[in-house]
């Protein structure tokens, strides 16, 4: 009888302890799954800080922005992801339009409605801005000195012959931040002039990297001197001790980097906790970490920023030149990616050859006849297969949903038909431009 009572007491004690420990174990065992395009330095640093503050474990599924969109679209019927975390607001608009995001009302106070000329949060409540992002270029100061290269000040400077073979950039189809950079140039300069400028810069490319973070890695290591990047790549490299600097050109924009809860998220409470943490004073301060260096959306956080750190709430010139049109960007998102890959990524050797020939002709051909040929060659390189109006047609944009990771990847349907026709025209134009430029140089 005594043994029975003892066992009963022990059993009761164990059950009581288990009842108390259960919520703690449940919180510790809870795992938040975040689909993100951010580099490891950001995901690991923020993830560890969040777990330390809340006890919630985080799993980061890292992909390019376009790949993130396609992943969430393809898994929507049996969703296992809790959040989408990326820089490009137009990517969130695509998912929002597909009905794949869930509304959330932020509880944290002190976040303004606007950064620059752009709303920090989605007016409809589906995604929230946690940092601001600007676009420009970084450069390796030692590389520039060794190669005797001047520091560029504008986008147009990057088209100059002196920078041939010294510039790196990713493709907008591989990087949401690169997509925003290209879209910013198109909106700031206009469709024809924007593409003309973009191809003028691309003709000087050393490479088109596989991922966006391949650009700062290339500049940091001296593989090439100048990289077209989102601001935090340049600022974090600088803070980490690399000999680099960063510039916002006048024609740039300032938009929020965002976070959203995925529709039917398995761990909605944990997802809400992540948003609240990111926007809390503690979470905003994590953005100042040398490995991250993003622009916080809480103005009070800048009091703890290092000297010289950009503050868009005080320096109103950052991003003031371009009033970014999110709807325009969303409606031609896929078109921009396809056009860039056809005209630049997979025709880079042809574009560089035409560019080099034109640069050589401009240095030699001084006669009126030579100048006329050079003008014709430049027009051939600058040509875009479709108009801005056509690119902005939503139904036309929806044709171009497949992404080629390399030129040899086969696609079918109407997208393949259009891209093949464009490629044939672009290849012929670049070849003819090179021919005309060589003729001008020989005069």
Protein backbone atom coordinates (compact mmCIF):
# COMPACT_ATOMS: atom_id res chain seq x y z
CA UNK A 1 0.00 0.00 0.00
CA UNK A 2 2.85 2.34 0.81
CA UNK A 3 4.54 1.52 -2.47
CA UNK A 4 1.29 2.31 -4.33
CA UNK A 5 0.96 5.68 -2.56
CA UNK A 6 4.57 6.58 -3.29
CA UNK A 7 4.12 5.80 -6.94
CA UNK A 8 0.94 7.86 -7.01
CA UNK A 9 2.72 10.83 -5.47
CA UNK A 10 5.64 10.52 -7.89
CA UNK A 11 3.31 10.17 -10.84
CA UNK A 12 1.38 13.24 -9.77
CA UNK A 13 4.59 15.26 -9.33
CA UNK A 14 5.86 14.27 -12.77
CA UNK A 15 2.54 15.21 -14.37
CA UNK A 16 2.54 18.56 -12.58
CA UNK A 17 6.06 19.37 -13.74
CA UNK A 18 5.19 18.28 -17.27
CA UNK A 19 2.15 20.56 -17.25
CA UNK A 20 4.29 23.54 -16.26
CA UNK A 21 7.08 22.69 -18.72
CA UNK A 22 4.83 22.00 -21.70
CA UNK A 23 4.31 25.63 -22.80
CA UNK A 24 8.05 26.32 -22.47
CA UNK A 25 8.91 23.21 -24.50
CA UNK A 26 6.29 24.11 -27.10
CA UNK A 27 7.77 27.59 -27.51
CA UNK A 28 11.31 26.18 -27.73
CA UNK A 29 10.25 23.53 -30.25
CA UNK A 30 8.31 26.00 -32.40
CA UNK A 31 10.02 26.64 -35.74
CA UNK A 32 9.37 29.64 -37.93
CA UNK A 33 9.95 28.97 -41.65
CA UNK A 34 10.95 32.08 -43.61
CA UNK A 35 11.38 32.16 -47.40
CA UNK A 36 13.96 34.86 -48.08
CA UNK A 37 16.36 36.26 -50.65
CA UNK A 38 18.68 37.80 -48.06
CA UNK A 39 22.35 36.75 -47.73
CA UNK A 40 23.56 34.59 -44.85
CA UNK A 41 25.03 37.50 -42.88
CA UNK A 42 21.57 39.03 -42.57
CA UNK A 43 19.53 35.86 -42.03
CA UNK A 44 21.88 34.34 -39.45
CA UNK A 45 22.44 37.57 -37.49
CA UNK A 46 18.77 38.52 -37.28
CA UNK A 47 17.66 34.90 -36.80
CA UNK A 48 19.96 34.36 -33.82
CA UNK A 49 18.93 37.66 -32.21
CA UNK A 50 15.23 36.79 -32.63
CA UNK A 51 15.68 33.29 -31.20
CA UNK A 52 17.60 34.68 -28.23
CA UNK A 53 14.83 37.21 -27.54
CA UNK A 54 11.86 34.86 -28.01
CA UNK A 55 13.05 31.25 -27.83
CA UNK A 56 11.52 30.61 -31.27
CA UNK A 57 13.76 28.71 -33.69
CA UNK A 58 14.00 29.95 -37.27
CA UNK A 59 14.55 28.06 -40.52
CA UNK A 60 15.58 30.23 -43.47
CA UNK A 61 14.83 28.98 -46.99
CA UNK A 62 17.18 31.13 -49.05
CA UNK A 63 16.47 31.66 -52.76
CA UNK A 64 16.62 34.44 -55.32
CA UNK A 65 13.62 36.78 -55.19
CA UNK A 66 12.04 35.41 -58.37
CA UNK A 67 12.64 31.86 -57.12
CA UNK A 68 10.99 32.79 -53.81
CA UNK A 69 7.88 33.97 -55.66
CA UNK A 70 7.71 30.81 -57.77
CA UNK A 71 8.27 28.60 -54.70
CA UNK A 72 5.42 30.21 -52.75
CA UNK A 73 3.15 30.03 -55.81
CA UNK A 74 3.92 26.35 -56.42
CA UNK A 75 3.49 25.30 -52.76
CA UNK A 76 0.37 27.39 -52.04
CA UNK A 77 -1.99 24.39 -52.10
CA UNK A 78 -0.01 22.69 -49.32
CA UNK A 79 1.82 25.62 -47.75
CA UNK A 80 4.53 24.95 -45.14
CA UNK A 81 6.09 28.45 -45.12
CA UNK A 82 5.28 31.14 -42.57
CA UNK A 83 6.84 34.30 -44.00
CA UNK A 84 8.29 35.99 -47.07
CA UNK A 85 11.23 38.33 -46.38
CA UNK A 86 12.86 40.33 -49.18
CA UNK A 87 13.71 43.82 -50.41
CA UNK A 88 11.63 44.26 -53.56
CA UNK A 89 8.12 45.66 -52.89
CA UNK A 90 6.99 44.67 -56.39
CA UNK A 91 7.69 41.04 -55.49
CA UNK A 92 5.29 41.38 -52.55
CA UNK A 93 2.75 42.97 -54.87
CA UNK A 94 2.93 39.91 -57.15
CA UNK A 95 2.20 37.56 -54.21
CA UNK A 96 -0.45 39.90 -52.87
CA UNK A 97 -2.14 39.89 -56.28
CA UNK A 98 -2.10 36.08 -56.22
CA UNK A 99 -3.82 36.10 -52.81
CA UNK A 100 -0.84 34.45 -51.12
CA UNK A 101 -0.22 36.96 -48.31
CA UNK A 102 -2.11 37.52 -45.07
CA UNK A 103 -2.99 40.87 -43.50
CA UNK A 104 -1.37 41.85 -40.22
CA UNK A 105 -1.74 44.92 -37.99
CA UNK A 106 1.56 46.01 -36.41
CA UNK A 107 1.51 46.84 -32.69
CA UNK A 108 4.92 48.57 -32.44
CA UNK A 109 4.77 52.38 -32.32
CA UNK A 110 7.16 55.03 -33.64
CA UNK A 111 7.35 53.99 -37.31
CA UNK A 112 6.51 56.86 -39.74
CA UNK A 113 4.13 56.42 -42.65
CA UNK A 114 6.69 57.36 -45.31
CA UNK A 115 10.38 57.00 -46.09
CA UNK A 116 11.35 59.44 -48.82
CA UNK A 117 8.32 59.57 -51.12
CA UNK A 118 7.29 55.95 -50.53
CA UNK A 119 4.85 54.44 -47.97
CA UNK A 120 6.71 52.24 -45.48
CA UNK A 121 3.84 49.75 -45.20
CA UNK A 122 1.46 48.31 -47.78
CA UNK A 123 -1.67 50.52 -47.55
CA UNK A 124 -3.78 47.35 -47.71
CA UNK A 125 -1.96 45.80 -44.75
CA UNK A 126 -0.41 42.74 -46.41
CA UNK A 127 3.31 43.51 -45.98
CA UNK A 128 5.39 45.74 -43.70
CA UNK A 129 8.55 47.74 -44.28
CA UNK A 130 11.31 47.06 -41.74
CA UNK A 131 14.20 48.89 -43.48
CA UNK A 132 14.76 51.36 -46.31
CA UNK A 133 16.76 50.51 -49.42
CA UNK A 134 18.53 52.70 -51.95
CA UNK A 135 20.41 51.71 -55.10
CA UNK A 136 23.76 52.77 -56.50
CA UNK A 137 27.29 51.49 -56.94
CA UNK A 138 30.24 50.50 -54.77
CA UNK A 139 33.91 50.42 -55.72
CA UNK A 140 37.16 48.96 -54.43
CA UNK A 141 39.42 51.92 -53.61
CA UNK A 142 42.65 49.91 -53.95
CA UNK A 143 41.56 48.48 -57.29
CA UNK A 144 40.67 51.93 -58.62
CA UNK A 145 44.04 53.33 -57.54
CA UNK A 146 45.97 50.40 -58.99
CA UNK A 147 44.14 50.66 -62.32
CA UNK A 148 44.31 54.48 -62.31
CA UNK A 149 40.52 54.74 -62.59
CA UNK A 150 38.60 57.88 -61.55
CA UNK A 151 35.74 57.46 -59.06
CA UNK A 152 32.41 57.55 -60.98
CA UNK A 153 29.79 60.03 -59.81
CA UNK A 154 26.80 59.29 -62.06
CA UNK A 155 25.25 56.35 -63.94
CA UNK A 156 26.38 57.97 -67.19
CA UNK A 157 30.00 57.89 -65.99
CA UNK A 158 29.83 54.08 -66.02
CA UNK A 159 29.34 54.12 -69.82
CA UNK A 160 32.76 55.71 -70.38
CA UNK A 161 35.43 53.62 -72.18
CA UNK A 162 37.80 53.83 -69.22
CA UNK A 163 35.53 51.47 -67.26
CA UNK A 164 35.41 48.74 -69.92
CA UNK A 165 35.80 45.36 -68.20
CA UNK A 166 35.73 46.83 -64.69
CA UNK A 167 32.02 46.59 -63.73
CA UNK A 168 29.94 43.76 -62.25
CA UNK A 169 26.21 43.37 -61.76
CA UNK A 170 23.66 40.61 -61.27
CA UNK A 171 20.65 39.98 -63.51
CA UNK A 172 17.19 41.26 -62.48
CA UNK A 173 15.81 37.76 -63.09
CA UNK A 174 18.22 36.43 -60.43
CA UNK A 175 17.97 39.28 -57.95
CA UNK A 176 15.02 41.36 -56.78
CA UNK A 177 17.30 44.21 -55.73
CA UNK A 178 18.94 44.27 -59.17
CA UNK A 179 15.47 44.27 -60.70
CA UNK A 180 14.64 47.39 -58.68
CA UNK A 181 17.86 49.03 -59.82
CA UNK A 182 17.00 48.46 -63.49
CA UNK A 183 13.38 49.52 -62.96
CA UNK A 184 14.58 52.67 -61.17
CA UNK A 185 16.73 53.63 -64.17
CA UNK A 186 13.83 53.02 -66.55
CA UNK A 187 11.46 55.11 -64.46
CA UNK A 188 14.01 57.85 -63.81
CA UNK A 189 15.27 58.15 -67.40
CA UNK A 190 12.29 56.92 -69.43
CA UNK A 191 11.95 53.64 -71.34
CA UNK A 192 14.21 54.29 -74.35
CA UNK A 193 16.81 56.45 -72.59
CA UNK A 194 16.82 54.11 -69.59
CA UNK A 195 17.56 51.02 -71.68
CA UNK A 196 20.13 52.97 -73.71
CA UNK A 197 21.91 53.92 -70.47
CA UNK A 198 21.61 50.39 -69.05
CA UNK A 199 23.08 48.79 -72.16
CA UNK A 200 25.79 51.44 -72.28
CA UNK A 201 26.82 50.40 -68.77
CA UNK A 202 26.39 46.68 -69.50
CA UNK A 203 28.73 46.96 -72.48
CA UNK A 204 31.46 47.70 -69.92
CA UNK A 205 30.60 44.68 -67.75
CA UNK A 206 33.25 42.27 -66.59
CA UNK A 207 30.52 39.81 -65.57
CA UNK A 208 26.87 39.19 -64.74
CA UNK A 209 26.97 37.32 -61.42
CA UNK A 210 24.80 34.32 -60.51
CA UNK A 211 23.38 35.99 -57.39
CA UNK A 212 23.17 39.55 -56.10
CA UNK A 213 25.73 39.00 -53.33
CA UNK A 214 28.23 37.85 -55.97
CA UNK A 215 28.62 41.54 -56.86
CA UNK A 216 29.90 42.80 -53.47
CA UNK A 217 32.02 39.64 -53.17
CA UNK A 218 33.60 40.47 -56.54
CA UNK A 219 34.32 44.07 -55.56
CA UNK A 220 35.61 43.13 -52.10
CA UNK A 221 38.03 40.58 -53.55
CA UNK A 222 39.13 42.81 -56.43
CA UNK A 223 37.76 40.57 -59.22
CA UNK A 224 36.34 43.78 -60.65
CA UNK A 225 36.46 47.37 -59.47
CA UNK A 226 32.85 48.61 -59.49
CA UNK A 227 29.62 46.85 -58.55
CA UNK A 228 26.02 47.97 -59.09
CA UNK A 229 24.32 47.09 -55.81
CA UNK A 230 21.69 47.82 -53.19
CA UNK A 231 23.10 50.15 -50.53
CA UNK A 232 23.52 47.65 -47.68
CA UNK A 233 25.98 45.57 -49.72
CA UNK A 234 28.31 48.54 -49.99
CA UNK A 235 27.76 49.79 -46.44
CA UNK A 236 28.24 46.36 -44.82
CA UNK A 237 31.39 45.65 -46.85
CA UNK A 238 32.79 48.99 -45.75
CA UNK A 239 31.91 48.31 -42.10
CA UNK A 240 33.53 44.87 -42.32
CA UNK A 241 36.87 46.46 -43.20
CA UNK A 242 37.01 46.02 -46.96
CA UNK A 243 38.59 48.92 -48.90
CA UNK A 244 35.33 49.98 -50.52
CA UNK A 245 33.06 52.99 -50.81
CA UNK A 246 29.44 53.46 -51.93
CA UNK A 247 27.51 56.21 -53.73
CA UNK A 248 23.83 56.97 -54.28
CA UNK A 249 23.66 58.51 -57.79
CA UNK A 250 21.13 61.28 -58.26
CA UNK A 251 18.85 59.03 -60.32
CA UNK A 252 17.94 56.51 -57.65
CA UNK A 253 15.00 55.68 -55.47
CA UNK A 254 14.35 54.83 -51.84
CA UNK A 255 11.88 52.06 -51.11
CA UNK A 256 11.17 49.89 -48.06
CA UNK A 257 12.49 46.36 -47.66
CA UNK A 258 9.62 44.19 -46.49
CA UNK A 259 8.31 41.27 -44.46
CA UNK A 260 4.96 39.51 -44.79
CA UNK A 261 3.04 36.55 -43.37
CA UNK A 262 2.18 33.90 -45.95
CA UNK A 263 -1.47 32.93 -46.29
CA UNK A 264 -2.31 29.79 -44.27
CA UNK A 265 1.00 30.05 -42.39
CA UNK A 266 1.39 27.09 -39.98
CA UNK A 267 2.90 29.29 -37.22
CA UNK A 268 1.05 32.59 -37.42
CA UNK A 269 1.78 33.64 -33.83
CA UNK A 270 5.50 33.10 -34.33
CA UNK A 271 5.32 35.01 -37.61
CA UNK A 272 3.63 37.94 -35.88
CA UNK A 273 6.34 37.84 -33.19
CA UNK A 274 9.03 38.09 -35.87
CA UNK A 275 7.46 41.22 -37.39
CA UNK A 276 7.06 42.85 -33.98
CA UNK A 277 10.68 42.03 -33.13
CA UNK A 278 12.03 43.43 -36.42
CA UNK A 279 10.21 46.72 -35.81
CA UNK A 280 11.02 46.94 -32.09
CA UNK A 281 13.88 49.19 -30.90
CA UNK A 282 15.99 46.08 -30.29
CA UNK A 283 15.29 44.64 -33.73
CA UNK A 284 15.93 47.94 -35.51
CA UNK A 285 19.31 48.23 -33.77
CA UNK A 286 20.30 44.80 -35.12
CA UNK A 287 20.10 46.34 -38.61
CA UNK A 288 23.10 48.52 -37.71
CA UNK A 289 25.28 45.42 -37.22
CA UNK A 290 28.39 45.74 -39.44
CA UNK A 291 27.41 42.53 -41.26
CA UNK A 292 23.97 43.98 -42.16
CA UNK A 293 24.04 47.81 -42.25
CA UNK A 294 20.48 48.42 -43.46
CA UNK A 295 18.65 51.73 -43.07
CA UNK A 296 16.16 51.39 -40.15
CA UNK A 297 12.59 52.66 -40.57
CA UNK A 298 12.50 53.95 -36.98
CA UNK A 299 14.09 57.43 -37.04
CA UNK A 300 15.10 57.13 -33.36
CA UNK A 301 17.48 54.27 -34.19
CA UNK A 302 19.80 56.58 -36.14
CA UNK A 303 20.98 58.08 -32.85
CA UNK A 304 22.93 54.84 -32.38
CA UNK A 305 24.21 54.65 -35.97
CA UNK A 306 27.94 55.10 -36.71
CA UNK A 307 29.24 58.46 -37.89
CA UNK A 308 28.51 59.14 -41.54
CA UNK A 309 25.79 56.51 -41.77
CA UNK A 310 23.07 57.56 -44.29
CA UNK A 311 19.87 58.87 -42.67
CA UNK A 312 17.01 59.22 -45.18
CA UNK A 313 14.84 60.96 -42.59
CA UNK A 314 17.37 63.82 -42.44
CA UNK A 315 18.99 63.69 -45.88
CA UNK A 316 15.99 64.20 -48.14
CA UNK A 317 18.14 64.06 -51.29
CA UNK A 318 18.45 60.25 -51.11
CA UNK A 319 16.00 58.88 -53.63
CA UNK A 320 14.29 62.21 -54.24
CA UNK A 321 14.86 62.21 -58.03
CA UNK A 322 12.67 59.16 -58.76
CA UNK A 323 9.09 58.82 -57.51
CA UNK A 324 8.90 55.05 -57.81
CA UNK A 325 5.67 53.77 -59.38
CA UNK A 326 5.00 50.40 -57.76
CA UNK A 327 2.05 49.48 -59.98
CA UNK A 328 4.04 50.18 -63.14
CA UNK A 329 6.88 48.03 -61.83
CA UNK A 330 4.55 45.18 -60.87
CA UNK A 331 2.78 45.16 -64.25
CA UNK A 332 6.03 44.73 -66.21
CA UNK A 333 8.05 42.72 -63.67
CA UNK A 334 8.49 39.60 -65.82
CA UNK A 335 9.00 41.57 -69.03
CA UNK A 336 11.96 43.51 -67.57
CA UNK A 337 13.61 40.27 -66.47
CA UNK A 338 13.17 38.60 -69.87
CA UNK A 339 14.31 41.66 -71.83
CA UNK A 340 17.45 42.08 -69.73
CA UNK A 341 18.42 38.42 -70.11
CA UNK A 342 17.85 38.48 -73.88
CA UNK A 343 19.64 41.80 -74.44
CA UNK A 344 22.39 41.57 -71.80
CA UNK A 345 22.84 38.38 -69.76
CA UNK A 346 22.88 35.89 -72.65
CA UNK A 347 24.26 38.27 -75.27
CA UNK A 348 26.96 39.83 -73.10
CA UNK A 349 29.87 38.83 -75.36
CA UNK A 350 28.09 40.29 -78.40
CA UNK A 351 27.20 43.49 -76.51
CA UNK A 352 30.76 43.91 -75.24
CA UNK A 353 32.17 43.41 -78.74
CA UNK A 354 29.85 46.06 -80.18
CA UNK A 355 30.58 48.42 -77.29
CA UNK A 356 34.35 48.01 -77.65
CA UNK A 357 34.15 48.65 -81.39
CA UNK A 358 32.07 51.81 -80.87
CA UNK A 359 34.49 53.07 -78.22
CA UNK A 360 37.44 52.50 -80.57
CA UNK A 361 35.63 54.23 -83.43
CA UNK A 362 34.82 57.27 -81.28
CA UNK A 363 38.51 57.56 -80.40
CA UNK A 364 39.58 57.45 -84.08
CA UNK A 365 36.72 58.43 -86.36
CA UNK A 366 36.58 62.21 -86.53
CA UNK A 367 35.08 62.73 -89.98
CA UNK A 368 31.39 63.47 -90.55
CA UNK A 369 30.96 60.12 -92.34
CA UNK A 370 32.56 58.25 -89.44
CA UNK A 371 30.40 60.03 -86.90
CA UNK A 372 27.28 59.15 -88.87
CA UNK A 373 28.21 55.45 -88.82
CA UNK A 374 28.92 55.62 -85.08
CA UNK A 375 25.50 57.19 -84.47
CA UNK A 376 23.88 54.38 -86.46
CA UNK A 377 25.85 51.77 -84.51
CA UNK A 378 24.79 53.27 -81.17
CA UNK A 379 21.15 53.30 -82.24
CA UNK A 380 21.34 49.60 -83.12
CA UNK A 381 22.75 48.74 -79.69
CA UNK A 382 20.19 50.89 -77.90
CA UNK A 383 17.17 49.42 -79.70
CA UNK A 384 14.53 47.71 -77.52
CA UNK A 385 12.22 45.13 -79.16
CA UNK A 386 9.02 46.44 -77.56
CA UNK A 387 7.58 49.77 -76.44
CA UNK A 388 6.95 50.87 -72.86
CA UNK A 389 3.21 50.68 -73.51
CA UNK A 390 3.46 47.05 -74.60
CA UNK A 391 5.68 46.16 -71.64
CA UNK A 392 3.07 47.60 -69.27
CA UNK A 393 0.26 45.35 -70.49
CA UNK A 394 -0.61 42.99 -67.66
CA UNK A 395 -1.71 40.12 -69.90
CA UNK A 396 1.47 40.41 -71.97
CA UNK A 397 3.58 40.42 -68.80
CA UNK A 398 1.89 37.19 -67.65
CA UNK A 399 3.31 35.34 -70.65
CA UNK A 400 6.87 35.67 -69.31
CA UNK A 401 6.70 33.66 -66.08
CA UNK A 402 9.41 31.09 -66.84
CA UNK A 403 12.99 31.90 -65.85
CA UNK A 404 16.09 30.65 -67.66
CA UNK A 405 19.01 30.01 -65.30
CA UNK A 406 21.27 29.82 -68.36
CA UNK A 407 20.95 30.47 -72.07
CA UNK A 408 20.71 26.78 -72.95
CA UNK A 409 17.58 26.21 -70.82
CA UNK A 410 14.68 25.40 -73.14
CA UNK A 411 11.28 26.99 -72.65
CA UNK A 412 8.14 26.57 -74.71
CA UNK A 413 4.98 28.44 -75.63
CA UNK A 414 4.52 32.10 -76.41
CA UNK A 415 7.35 33.21 -74.10
CA UNK A 416 9.79 31.13 -76.15
CA UNK A 417 8.43 32.57 -79.40
CA UNK A 418 8.84 36.18 -78.27
CA UNK A 419 12.26 35.66 -76.69
CA UNK A 420 13.57 33.87 -79.78
CA UNK A 421 12.37 36.68 -82.04
CA UNK A 422 13.94 39.27 -79.75
CA UNK A 423 17.21 37.35 -79.57
CA UNK A 424 17.44 37.07 -83.36
CA UNK A 425 16.92 40.82 -83.72
CA UNK A 426 19.32 41.74 -80.89
CA UNK A 427 22.08 39.46 -82.16
CA UNK A 428 21.80 40.93 -85.65
CA UNK A 429 21.79 44.49 -84.26
CA UNK A 430 24.91 43.98 -82.16
CA UNK A 431 26.74 42.36 -85.08
CA UNK A 432 25.75 45.17 -87.46
CA UNK A 433 26.72 47.80 -84.87
CA UNK A 434 30.16 46.23 -84.53
CA UNK A 435 30.55 46.17 -88.32
CA UNK A 436 29.56 49.83 -88.69
CA UNK A 437 31.85 50.90 -85.84
CA UNK A 438 34.82 49.04 -87.31
CA UNK A 439 34.15 50.72 -90.66
CA UNK A 440 34.04 54.13 -88.95
CA UNK A 441 37.29 53.43 -87.12
CA UNK A 442 39.03 52.61 -90.41
CA UNK A 443 38.11 55.93 -92.02
